[in-house]
Structure formats: C-alpha cells, structure tokens
PDB file of N, CA and C in Angstrom:
ATOM      1  N   MET A   1       0.832  -1.174   0.000  1.00  0.00           N
ATOM      2  CA  MET A   1       0.000   0.000   0.000  1.00  0.00           C
ATOM      3  C   MET A   1       0.876   1.237   0.000  1.00  0.00           C
ATOM      4  N   SER A   2       0.572   2.134  -0.904  1.00  0.00           N
ATOM      5  CA  SER A   2       1.397   3.326  -1.047  1.00  0.00           C
ATOM      6  C   SER A   2       0.951   4.456  -0.118  1.00  0.00           C
ATOM      7  N   GLY A   3      -0.248   4.434   0.351  1.00  0.00           N
ATOM      8  CA  GLY A   3      -0.730   5.499   1.226  1.00  0.00           C
ATOM      9  C   GLY A   3      -2.235   5.622   1.135  1.00  0.00           C
ATOM     10  N   HIS A   4      -2.761   6.461   1.970  1.00  0.00           N
ATOM     11  CA  HIS A   4      -4.203   6.654   2.017  1.00  0.00           C
ATOM     12  C   HIS A   4      -4.574   7.976   1.362  1.00  0.00           C
ATOM     13  N   HIS A   5      -5.702   7.952   0.706  1.00  0.00           N
ATOM     14  CA  HIS A   5      -6.221   9.170   0.094  1.00  0.00           C
ATOM     15  C   HIS A   5      -7.049   9.911   1.132  1.00  0.00           C
ATOM     16  N   ILE A   6      -6.786  11.175   1.318  1.00  0.00           N
ATOM     17  CA  ILE A   6      -7.518  11.978   2.302  1.00  0.00           C
ATOM     18  C   ILE A   6      -8.649  12.702   1.588  1.00  0.00           C
ATOM     19  N   VAL A   7      -9.858  12.424   2.032  1.00  0.00           N
ATOM     20  CA  VAL A   7     -11.047  13.014   1.421  1.00  0.00           C
ATOM     21  C   VAL A   7     -11.493  14.192   2.284  1.00  0.00           C
ATOM     22  N   PRO A   8     -11.726  15.351   1.679  1.00  0.00           N
ATOM     23  CA  PRO A   8     -12.191  16.502   2.462  1.00  0.00           C
ATOM     24  C   PRO A   8     -13.571  16.248   3.079  1.00  0.00           C
ATOM     25  N   VAL A   9     -13.810  16.862   4.212  1.00  0.00           N
ATOM     26  CA  VAL A   9     -15.074  16.683   4.922  1.00  0.00           C
ATOM     27  C   VAL A   9     -16.245  17.171   4.078  1.00  0.00           C
ATOM     28  N   ARG A  10     -16.043  18.210   3.267  1.00  0.00           N
ATOM     29  CA  ARG A  10     -17.132  18.730   2.436  1.00  0.00           C
ATOM     30  C   ARG A  10     -17.620  17.692   1.430  1.00  0.00           C
ATOM     31  N   VAL A  11     -16.737  16.799   0.987  1.00  0.00           N
ATOM     32  CA  VAL A  11     -17.162  15.724   0.074  1.00  0.00           C
ATOM     33  C   VAL A  11     -18.109  14.780   0.809  1.00  0.00           C
ATOM     34  N   TYR A  12     -17.740  14.406   2.037  1.00  0.00           N
ATOM     35  CA  TYR A  12     -18.604  13.532   2.822  1.00  0.00           C
ATOM     36  C   TYR A  12     -19.946  14.197   3.118  1.00  0.00           C
ATOM     37  N   LEU A  13     -19.923  15.469   3.426  1.00  0.00           N
ATOM     38  CA  LEU A  13     -21.174  16.188   3.695  1.00  0.00           C
ATOM     39  C   LEU A  13     -22.026  16.294   2.431  1.00  0.00           C
ATOM     40  N   GLY A  14     -21.387  16.497   1.296  1.00  0.00           N
ATOM     41  CA  GLY A  14     -22.126  16.544   0.030  1.00  0.00           C
ATOM     42  C   GLY A  14     -22.772  15.212  -0.305  1.00  0.00           C
ATOM     43  N   ILE A  15     -22.033  14.118  -0.097  1.00  0.00           N
ATOM     44  CA  ILE A  15     -22.588  12.784  -0.350  1.00  0.00           C
ATOM     45  C   ILE A  15     -23.712  12.491   0.640  1.00  0.00           C
ATOM     46  N   PHE A  16     -23.516  12.876   1.897  1.00  0.00           N
ATOM     47  CA  PHE A  16     -24.573  12.690   2.891  1.00  0.00           C
ATOM     48  C   PHE A  16     -25.833  13.466   2.495  1.00  0.00           C
ATOM     49  N   GLY A  17     -25.654  14.691   2.026  1.00  0.00           N
ATOM     50  CA  GLY A  17     -26.795  15.482   1.564  1.00  0.00           C
ATOM     51  C   GLY A  17     -27.486  14.828   0.375  1.00  0.00           C
ATOM     52  N   ALA A  18     -26.696  14.317  -0.557  1.00  0.00           N
ATOM     53  CA  ALA A  18     -27.276  13.627  -1.718  1.00  0.00           C
ATOM     54  C   ALA A  18     -28.057  12.391  -1.281  1.00  0.00           C
ATOM     55  N   LEU A  19     -27.523  11.646  -0.311  1.00  0.00           N
ATOM     56  CA  LEU A  19     -28.233  10.461   0.191  1.00  0.00           C
ATOM     57  C   LEU A  19     -29.534  10.857   0.888  1.00  0.00           C
ATOM     58  N   CYS A  20     -29.511  11.970   1.623  1.00  0.00           N
ATOM     59  CA  CYS A  20     -30.738  12.448   2.268  1.00  0.00           C
ATOM     60  C   CYS A  20     -31.777  12.853   1.228  1.00  0.00           C
ATOM     61  N   ILE A  21     -31.341  13.556   0.191  1.00  0.00           N
ATOM     62  CA  ILE A  21     -32.262  13.957  -0.880  1.00  0.00           C
ATOM     63  C   ILE A  21     -32.824  12.730  -1.596  1.00  0.00           C
ATOM     64  N   LEU A  22     -31.968  11.754  -1.853  1.00  0.00           N
ATOM     65  CA  LEU A  22     -32.446  10.535  -2.515  1.00  0.00           C
ATOM     66  C   LEU A  22     -33.417   9.754  -1.623  1.00  0.00           C
ATOM     67  N   THR A  23     -33.231   9.833  -0.308  1.00  0.00           N
ATOM     68  CA  THR A  23     -34.181   9.184   0.602  1.00  0.00           C
ATOM     69  C   THR A  23     -35.538   9.876   0.542  1.00  0.00           C
ATOM     70  N   VAL A  24     -35.525  11.204   0.478  1.00  0.00           N
ATOM     71  CA  VAL A  24     -36.785  11.950   0.323  1.00  0.00           C
ATOM     72  C   VAL A  24     -37.443  11.596  -1.015  1.00  0.00           C
ATOM     73  N   ILE A  25     -36.651  11.469  -2.061  1.00  0.00           N
ATOM     74  CA  ILE A  25     -37.187  11.075  -3.370  1.00  0.00           C
ATOM     75  C   ILE A  25     -37.773   9.671  -3.306  1.00  0.00           C
ATOM     76  N   THR A  26     -37.139   8.785  -2.560  1.00  0.00           N
ATOM     77  CA  THR A  26     -37.660   7.426  -2.402  1.00  0.00           C
ATOM     78  C   THR A  26     -39.037   7.447  -1.749  1.00  0.00           C
ATOM     79  N   VAL A  27     -39.169   8.225  -0.682  1.00  0.00           N
ATOM     80  CA  VAL A  27     -40.454   8.323   0.019  1.00  0.00           C
ATOM     81  C   VAL A  27     -41.499   8.961  -0.896  1.00  0.00           C
ATOM     82  N   ALA A  28     -41.111   9.999  -1.630  1.00  0.00           N
ATOM     83  CA  ALA A  28     -42.053  10.658  -2.538  1.00  0.00           C
ATOM     84  C   ALA A  28     -42.467   9.719  -3.672  1.00  0.00           C
ATOM     85  N   ALA A  29     -41.542   8.951  -4.186  1.00  0.00           N
ATOM     86  CA  ALA A  29     -41.860   8.030  -5.284  1.00  0.00           C
ATOM     87  C   ALA A  29     -42.802   6.920  -4.822  1.00  0.00           C
ATOM     88  N   ALA A  30     -42.732   6.578  -3.538  1.00  0.00           N
ATOM     89  CA  ALA A  30     -43.614   5.533  -3.018  1.00  0.00           C
ATOM     90  C   ALA A  30     -45.073   5.988  -2.972  1.00  0.00           C
ATOM     91  N   GLN A  31     -45.298   7.291  -3.027  1.00  0.00           N
ATOM     92  CA  GLN A  31     -46.659   7.822  -2.983  1.00  0.00           C
ATOM     93  C   GLN A  31     -47.352   7.808  -4.336  1.00  0.00           C
ATOM     94  N   PHE A  32     -46.603   7.588  -5.398  1.00  0.00           N
ATOM     95  CA  PHE A  32     -47.150   7.598  -6.748  1.00  0.00           C
ATOM     96  C   PHE A  32     -47.209   6.194  -7.320  1.00  0.00           C
ATOM     97  N   ASP A  33     -48.154   5.982  -8.220  1.00  0.00           N
ATOM     98  CA  ASP A  33     -48.259   4.701  -8.902  1.00  0.00           C
ATOM     99  C   ASP A  33     -47.707   4.857 -10.314  1.00  0.00           C
ATOM    100  N   PHE A  34     -46.577   4.243 -10.558  1.00  0.00           N
ATOM    101  CA  PHE A  34     -45.950   4.296 -11.867  1.00  0.00           C
ATOM    102  C   PHE A  34     -46.324   3.098 -12.726  1.00  0.00           C
ATOM    103  N   GLY A  35     -47.293   2.336 -12.271  1.00  0.00           N
ATOM    104  CA  GLY A  35     -47.721   1.154 -13.018  1.00  0.00           C
ATOM    105  C   GLY A  35     -46.628   0.090 -13.025  1.00  0.00           C
ATOM    106  N   PRO A  36     -46.321  -0.438 -14.191  1.00  0.00           N
ATOM    107  CA  PRO A  36     -45.307  -1.495 -14.249  1.00  0.00           C
ATOM    108  C   PRO A  36     -43.886  -0.979 -13.998  1.00  0.00           C
ATOM    109  N   LEU A  37     -43.711   0.322 -13.903  1.00  0.00           N
ATOM    110  CA  LEU A  37     -42.373   0.884 -13.674  1.00  0.00           C
ATOM    111  C   LEU A  37     -42.057   1.098 -12.194  1.00  0.00           C
ATOM    112  N   ASN A  38     -42.952   0.697 -11.296  1.00  0.00           N
ATOM    113  CA  ASN A  38     -42.726   0.895  -9.861  1.00  0.00           C
ATOM    114  C   ASN A  38     -41.388   0.307  -9.407  1.00  0.00           C
ATOM    115  N   ASN A  39     -41.164  -0.946  -9.754  1.00  0.00           N
ATOM    116  CA  ASN A  39     -39.928  -1.607  -9.327  1.00  0.00           C
ATOM    117  C   ASN A  39     -38.706  -0.973  -9.974  1.00  0.00           C
ATOM    118  N   LEU A  40     -38.833  -0.571 -11.222  1.00  0.00           N
ATOM    119  CA  LEU A  40     -37.709   0.036 -11.923  1.00  0.00           C
ATOM    120  C   LEU A  40     -37.317   1.375 -11.280  1.00  0.00           C
ATOM    121  N   VAL A  41     -38.293   2.173 -10.909  1.00  0.00           N
ATOM    122  CA  VAL A  41     -38.016   3.458 -10.260  1.00  0.00           C
ATOM    123  C   VAL A  41     -37.362   3.220  -8.898  1.00  0.00           C
ATOM    124  N   ALA A  42     -37.907   2.299  -8.113  1.00  0.00           N
ATOM    125  CA  ALA A  42     -37.352   2.010  -6.791  1.00  0.00           C
ATOM    126  C   ALA A  42     -35.925   1.459  -6.897  1.00  0.00           C
ATOM    127  N   LEU A  43     -35.703   0.568  -7.841  1.00  0.00           N
ATOM    128  CA  LEU A  43     -34.356   0.009  -8.012  1.00  0.00           C
ATOM    129  C   LEU A  43     -33.370   1.060  -8.512  1.00  0.00           C
ATOM    130  N   GLY A  44     -33.818   1.944  -9.370  1.00  0.00           N
ATOM    131  CA  GLY A  44     -32.934   3.003  -9.852  1.00  0.00           C
ATOM    132  C   GLY A  44     -32.452   3.902  -8.726  1.00  0.00           C
ATOM    133  N   ILE A  45     -33.366   4.281  -7.860  1.00  0.00           N
ATOM    134  CA  ILE A  45     -32.997   5.129  -6.722  1.00  0.00           C
ATOM    135  C   ILE A  45     -32.081   4.358  -5.767  1.00  0.00           C
ATOM    136  N   ALA A  46     -32.405   3.102  -5.502  1.00  0.00           N
ATOM    137  CA  ALA A  46     -31.595   2.296  -4.583  1.00  0.00           C
ATOM    138  C   ALA A  46     -30.196   2.052  -5.133  1.00  0.00           C
ATOM    139  N   ILE A  47     -30.086   1.811  -6.430  1.00  0.00           N
ATOM    140  CA  ILE A  47     -28.771   1.580  -7.027  1.00  0.00           C
ATOM    141  C   ILE A  47     -27.934   2.857  -6.969  1.00  0.00           C
ATOM    142  N   THR A  48     -28.571   3.997  -7.179  1.00  0.00           N
ATOM    143  CA  THR A  48     -27.857   5.275  -7.090  1.00  0.00           C
ATOM    144  C   THR A  48     -27.316   5.495  -5.674  1.00  0.00           C
ATOM    145  N   LYS A  49     -28.143   5.222  -4.673  1.00  0.00           N
ATOM    146  CA  LYS A  49     -27.698   5.395  -3.287  1.00  0.00           C
ATOM    147  C   LYS A  49     -26.586   4.405  -2.945  1.00  0.00           C
ATOM    148  N   ALA A  50     -26.734   3.165  -3.369  1.00  0.00           N
ATOM    149  CA  ALA A  50     -25.709   2.157  -3.081  1.00  0.00           C
ATOM    150  C   ALA A  50     -24.384   2.500  -3.765  1.00  0.00           C
ATOM    151  N   THR A  51     -24.466   3.036  -4.972  1.00  0.00           N
ATOM    152  CA  THR A  51     -23.247   3.424  -5.688  1.00  0.00           C
ATOM    153  C   THR A  51     -22.515   4.542  -4.958  1.00  0.00           C
ATOM    154  N   LEU A  52     -23.254   5.523  -4.466  1.00  0.00           N
ATOM    155  CA  LEU A  52     -22.622   6.604  -3.705  1.00  0.00           C
ATOM    156  C   LEU A  52     -21.945   6.077  -2.439  1.00  0.00           C
ATOM    157  N   VAL A  53     -22.606   5.169  -1.750  1.00  0.00           N
ATOM    158  CA  VAL A  53     -22.030   4.606  -0.524  1.00  0.00           C
ATOM    159  C   VAL A  53     -20.759   3.832  -0.836  1.00  0.00           C
ATOM    160  N   VAL A  54     -20.804   2.995  -1.856  1.00  0.00           N
ATOM    161  CA  VAL A  54     -19.630   2.181  -2.194  1.00  0.00           C
ATOM    162  C   VAL A  54     -18.468   3.062  -2.665  1.00  0.00           C
ATOM    163  N   LEU A  55     -18.764   4.023  -3.525  1.00  0.00           N
ATOM    164  CA  LEU A  55     -17.687   4.848  -4.076  1.00  0.00           C
ATOM    165  C   LEU A  55     -17.025   5.744  -3.040  1.00  0.00           C
ATOM    166  N   TYR A  56     -17.800   6.360  -2.175  1.00  0.00           N
ATOM    167  CA  TYR A  56     -17.223   7.360  -1.281  1.00  0.00           C
ATOM    168  C   TYR A  56     -17.003   6.863   0.141  1.00  0.00           C
ATOM    169  N   PHE A  57     -18.020   6.260   0.766  1.00  0.00           N
ATOM    170  CA  PHE A  57     -17.859   5.842   2.153  1.00  0.00           C
ATOM    171  C   PHE A  57     -17.027   4.575   2.291  1.00  0.00           C
ATOM    172  N   MET A  58     -17.000   3.742   1.237  1.00  0.00           N
ATOM    173  CA  MET A  58     -16.160   2.549   1.260  1.00  0.00           C
ATOM    174  C   MET A  58     -14.852   2.783   0.498  1.00  0.00           C
ATOM    175  N   HIS A  59     -14.644   3.996   0.038  1.00  0.00           N
ATOM    176  CA  HIS A  59     -13.408   4.437  -0.615  1.00  0.00           C
ATOM    177  C   HIS A  59     -13.058   3.652  -1.876  1.00  0.00           C
ATOM    178  N   ALA A  60     -14.046   3.116  -2.560  1.00  0.00           N
ATOM    179  CA  ALA A  60     -13.771   2.374  -3.791  1.00  0.00           C
ATOM    180  C   ALA A  60     -13.309   3.313  -4.902  1.00  0.00           C
ATOM    181  N   ARG A  61     -13.721   4.549  -4.849  1.00  0.00           N
ATOM    182  CA  ARG A  61     -13.315   5.509  -5.882  1.00  0.00           C
ATOM    183  C   ARG A  61     -11.809   5.749  -5.864  1.00  0.00           C
ATOM    184  N   TYR A  62     -11.212   5.658  -4.711  1.00  0.00           N
ATOM    185  CA  TYR A  62      -9.794   5.962  -4.565  1.00  0.00           C
ATOM    186  C   TYR A  62      -8.948   4.690  -4.441  1.00  0.00           C
ATOM    187  N   SER A  63      -9.539   3.528  -4.673  1.00  0.00           N
ATOM    188  CA  SER A  63      -8.814   2.268  -4.567  1.00  0.00           C
ATOM    189  C   SER A  63      -8.182   1.913  -5.903  1.00  0.00           C
ATOM    190  N   GLY A  64      -7.446   0.827  -5.890  1.00  0.00           N
ATOM    191  CA  GLY A  64      -6.734   0.395  -7.083  1.00  0.00           C
ATOM    192  C   GLY A  64      -7.602  -0.370  -8.068  1.00  0.00           C
ATOM    193  N   LYS A  65      -6.946  -0.880  -9.085  1.00  0.00           N
ATOM    194  CA  LYS A  65      -7.638  -1.587 -10.156  1.00  0.00           C
ATOM    195  C   LYS A  65      -8.192  -2.937  -9.694  1.00  0.00           C
ATOM    196  N   LEU A  66      -7.554  -3.557  -8.718  1.00  0.00           N
ATOM    197  CA  LEU A  66      -8.055  -4.840  -8.225  1.00  0.00           C
ATOM    198  C   LEU A  66      -9.415  -4.674  -7.559  1.00  0.00           C
ATOM    199  N   THR A  67      -9.598  -3.603  -6.815  1.00  0.00           N
ATOM    200  CA  THR A  67     -10.898  -3.331  -6.194  1.00  0.00           C
ATOM    201  C   THR A  67     -11.962  -3.104  -7.255  1.00  0.00           C
ATOM    202  N   ALA A  68     -11.616  -2.364  -8.308  1.00  0.00           N
ATOM    203  CA  ALA A  68     -12.559  -2.143  -9.408  1.00  0.00           C
ATOM    204  C   ALA A  68     -12.908  -3.463 -10.099  1.00  0.00           C
ATOM    205  N   LEU A  69     -11.934  -4.336 -10.234  1.00  0.00           N
ATOM    206  CA  LEU A  69     -12.184  -5.649 -10.845  1.00  0.00           C
ATOM    207  C   LEU A  69     -13.128  -6.485  -9.984  1.00  0.00           C
ATOM    208  N   VAL A  70     -12.929  -6.464  -8.682  1.00  0.00           N
ATOM    209  CA  VAL A  70     -13.792  -7.221  -7.775  1.00  0.00           C
ATOM    210  C   VAL A  70     -15.221  -6.681  -7.816  1.00  0.00           C
ATOM    211  N   ILE A  71     -15.362  -5.361  -7.836  1.00  0.00           N
ATOM    212  CA  ILE A  71     -16.695  -4.752  -7.893  1.00  0.00           C
ATOM    213  C   ILE A  71     -17.376  -5.097  -9.216  1.00  0.00           C
ATOM    214  N   ALA A  72     -16.640  -5.015 -10.315  1.00  0.00           N
ATOM    215  CA  ALA A  72     -17.205  -5.343 -11.630  1.00  0.00           C
ATOM    216  C   ALA A  72     -17.596  -6.815 -11.718  1.00  0.00           C
ATOM    217  N   ALA A  73     -16.762  -7.691 -11.183  1.00  0.00           N
ATOM    218  CA  ALA A  73     -17.082  -9.120 -11.201  1.00  0.00           C
ATOM    219  C   ALA A  73     -18.309  -9.408 -10.343  1.00  0.00           C
ATOM    220  N   SER A  74     -18.423  -8.752  -9.206  1.00  0.00           N
ATOM    221  CA  SER A  74     -19.597  -8.936  -8.345  1.00  0.00           C
ATOM    222  C   SER A  74     -20.862  -8.467  -9.048  1.00  0.00           C
ATOM    223  N   ALA A  75     -20.791  -7.339  -9.712  1.00  0.00           N
ATOM    224  CA  ALA A  75     -21.954  -6.828 -10.446  1.00  0.00           C
ATOM    225  C   ALA A  75     -22.320  -7.768 -11.591  1.00  0.00           C
ATOM    226  N   ALA A  76     -21.316  -8.323 -12.263  1.00  0.00           N
ATOM    227  CA  ALA A  76     -21.580  -9.263 -13.359  1.00  0.00           C
ATOM    228  C   ALA A  76     -22.263 -10.523 -12.845  1.00  0.00           C
ATOM    229  N   PHE A  77     -21.777 -11.071 -11.739  1.00  0.00           N
ATOM    230  CA  PHE A  77     -22.406 -12.263 -11.182  1.00  0.00           C
ATOM    231  C   PHE A  77     -23.820 -11.974 -10.697  1.00  0.00           C
ATOM    232  N   LEU A  78     -24.055 -10.809 -10.124  1.00  0.00           N
ATOM    233  CA  LEU A  78     -25.406 -10.439  -9.718  1.00  0.00           C
ATOM    234  C   LEU A  78     -26.323 -10.368 -10.930  1.00  0.00           C
ATOM    235  N   PHE A  79     -25.837  -9.763 -12.014  1.00  0.00           N
ATOM    236  CA  PHE A  79     -26.619  -9.695 -13.246  1.00  0.00           C
ATOM    237  C   PHE A  79     -26.939 -11.094 -13.763  1.00  0.00           C
ATOM    238  N   ILE A  80     -25.963 -11.991 -13.745  1.00  0.00           N
ATOM    239  CA  ILE A  80     -26.189 -13.361 -14.212  1.00  0.00           C
ATOM    240  C   ILE A  80     -27.239 -14.055 -13.350  1.00  0.00           C
ATOM    241  N   LEU A  81     -27.146 -13.918 -12.033  1.00  0.00           N
ATOM    242  CA  LEU A  81     -28.110 -14.567 -11.143  1.00  0.00           C
ATOM    243  C   LEU A  81     -29.519 -14.024 -11.357  1.00  0.00           C
ATOM    244  N   VAL A  82     -29.649 -12.710 -11.500  1.00  0.00           N
ATOM    245  CA  VAL A  82     -30.969 -12.125 -11.738  1.00  0.00           C
ATOM    246  C   VAL A  82     -31.501 -12.571 -13.089  1.00  0.00           C
ATOM    247  N   PHE A  83     -30.647 -12.582 -14.120  1.00  0.00           N
ATOM    248  CA  PHE A  83     -31.066 -13.003 -15.459  1.00  0.00           C
ATOM    249  C   PHE A  83     -31.544 -14.458 -15.454  1.00  0.00           C
ATOM    250  N   LEU A  84     -30.800 -15.342 -14.795  1.00  0.00           N
ATOM    251  CA  LEU A  84     -31.207 -16.751 -14.749  1.00  0.00           C
ATOM    252  C   LEU A  84     -32.496 -16.936 -13.956  1.00  0.00           C
ATOM    253  N   THR A  85     -32.661 -16.169 -12.895  1.00  0.00           N
ATOM    254  CA  THR A  85     -33.903 -16.245 -12.130  1.00  0.00           C
ATOM    255  C   THR A  85     -35.082 -15.778 -12.973  1.00  0.00           C
ATOM    256  N   LEU A  86     -34.901 -14.700 -13.719  1.00  0.00           N
ATOM    257  CA  LEU A  86     -35.989 -14.193 -14.562  1.00  0.00           C
ATOM    258  C   LEU A  86     -36.314 -15.149 -15.706  1.00  0.00           C
ATOM    259  N   THR A  87     -35.312 -15.829 -16.254  1.00  0.00           N
ATOM    260  CA  THR A  87     -35.610 -16.801 -17.318  1.00  0.00           C
ATOM    261  C   THR A  87     -36.428 -17.962 -16.762  1.00  0.00           C
ATOM    262  N   ASP A  88     -36.154 -18.375 -15.535  1.00  0.00           N
ATOM    263  CA  ASP A  88     -36.956 -19.426 -14.915  1.00  0.00           C
ATOM    264  C   ASP A  88     -38.373 -18.932 -14.654  1.00  0.00           C
ATOM    265  N   TYR A  89     -38.487 -17.709 -14.183  1.00  0.00           N
ATOM    266  CA  TYR A  89     -39.795 -17.119 -13.884  1.00  0.00           C
ATOM    267  C   TYR A  89     -40.653 -17.007 -15.139  1.00  0.00           C
ATOM    268  N   VAL A  90     -40.058 -16.562 -16.232  1.00  0.00           N
ATOM    269  CA  VAL A  90     -40.798 -16.359 -17.471  1.00  0.00           C
ATOM    270  C   VAL A  90     -41.177 -17.689 -18.120  1.00  0.00           C
ATOM    271  N   SER A  91     -40.345 -18.714 -17.946  1.00  0.00           N
ATOM    272  CA  SER A  91     -40.581 -19.979 -18.640  1.00  0.00           C
ATOM    273  C   SER A  91     -41.620 -20.875 -17.960  1.00  0.00           C
ATOM    274  N   ARG A  92     -42.064 -20.532 -16.793  1.00  0.00           N
ATOM    275  CA  ARG A  92     -43.038 -21.380 -16.083  1.00  0.00           C
ATOM    276  C   ARG A  92     -44.448 -21.152 -16.609  1.00  0.00           C
ATOM    277  N   SER A  93     -45.232 -22.213 -16.569  1.00  0.00           N
ATOM    278  CA  SER A  93     -46.646 -22.043 -16.904  1.00  0.00           C
ATOM    279  C   SER A  93     -47.370 -21.702 -15.602  1.00  0.00           C
ATOM    280  N   TRP A  94     -48.130 -20.647 -15.622  1.00  0.00           N
ATOM    281  CA  TRP A  94     -48.728 -20.117 -14.404  1.00  0.00           C
ATOM    282  C   TRP A  94     -50.224 -20.435 -14.344  1.00  0.00           C
ATOM    283  N   THR A  95     -50.558 -21.706 -14.474  1.00  0.00           N
ATOM    284  CA  THR A  95     -51.950 -22.096 -14.313  1.00  0.00           C
ATOM    285  C   THR A  95     -52.205 -22.308 -12.824  1.00  0.00           C
ATOM    286  N   LEU A  96     -53.332 -21.810 -12.388  1.00  0.00           N
ATOM    287  CA  LEU A  96     -53.679 -21.906 -10.981  1.00  0.00           C
ATOM    288  C   LEU A  96     -54.340 -23.246 -10.719  1.00  0.00           C
ATOM    289  N   THR A  97     -53.790 -24.001  -9.808  1.00  0.00           N
ATOM    290  CA  THR A  97     -54.390 -25.277  -9.432  1.00  0.00           C
ATOM    291  C   THR A  97     -54.748 -25.215  -7.951  1.00  0.00           C
ATOM    292  N   LEU A  98     -55.954 -25.640  -7.664  1.00  0.00           N
ATOM    293  CA  LEU A  98     -56.420 -25.654  -6.290  1.00  0.00           C
ATOM    294  C   LEU A  98     -56.383 -27.089  -5.792  1.00  0.00           C
ATOM    295  N   THR A  99     -55.780 -27.284  -4.644  1.00  0.00           N
ATOM    296  CA  THR A  99     -55.715 -28.621  -4.057  1.00  0.00           C
ATOM    297  C   THR A  99     -56.492 -28.622  -2.754  1.00  0.00           C
ATOM    298  N   GLY A 100     -56.969 -29.800  -2.432  1.00  0.00           N
ATOM    299  CA  GLY A 100     -57.597 -29.963  -1.142  1.00  0.00           C
ATOM    300  C   GLY A 100     -59.034 -29.835  -1.213  1.00  0.00           C
TER     301      GLY A 100
END
C-alpha cells in the first residue's frame, strides 16, 4: 500500500446530503403509482444510493484496479443470477391449481 487518500469533509457532507435527498425522493416516489415501472423506479434510486455509498464511504473511488475488478465481477455475477432467475420465472406455466 502506497498510502491513504484523504477526502475533504465537504465531500462527505455533500454525499450525505445527496443520500438524504435521494431518501426523500424514495419516500415521494412511493406515494405515486408508476404502473409497471414501480420496481424500476425504486431500483434506480436504490442503485444510485448504493453506488454513492460504495464509491465514497467505502473508498472504492480511490482504490486500485483490483478493487474495481472485484466490484465489476460482483456486479456481473449479480446480473447473471438475476437473469437466470428471470428466465426461470418467465418460462413457467402459471396455471392456478387448487388442491384440497
């Protein structure tokens, strides 16, 4: 390790403010019905907040290339798992059967 990157306090306060604003947006978005886009809007806001936390509070922005590789590989595996789950979900026949 060559040294630590020192982040100014104003950066942390700015990110904290952005997270607070995004939390207010999350609550406001929950009051509206976006139809089939409800999950997409909620996930978009959540991914934005998670990205800010990882980049700044976990110092991934100032880390080396190996950290970026690990983050990219994790995101790729998450995408693969979600994609495979959705292919299973879409391929099922959804006939309702009542037992008993």
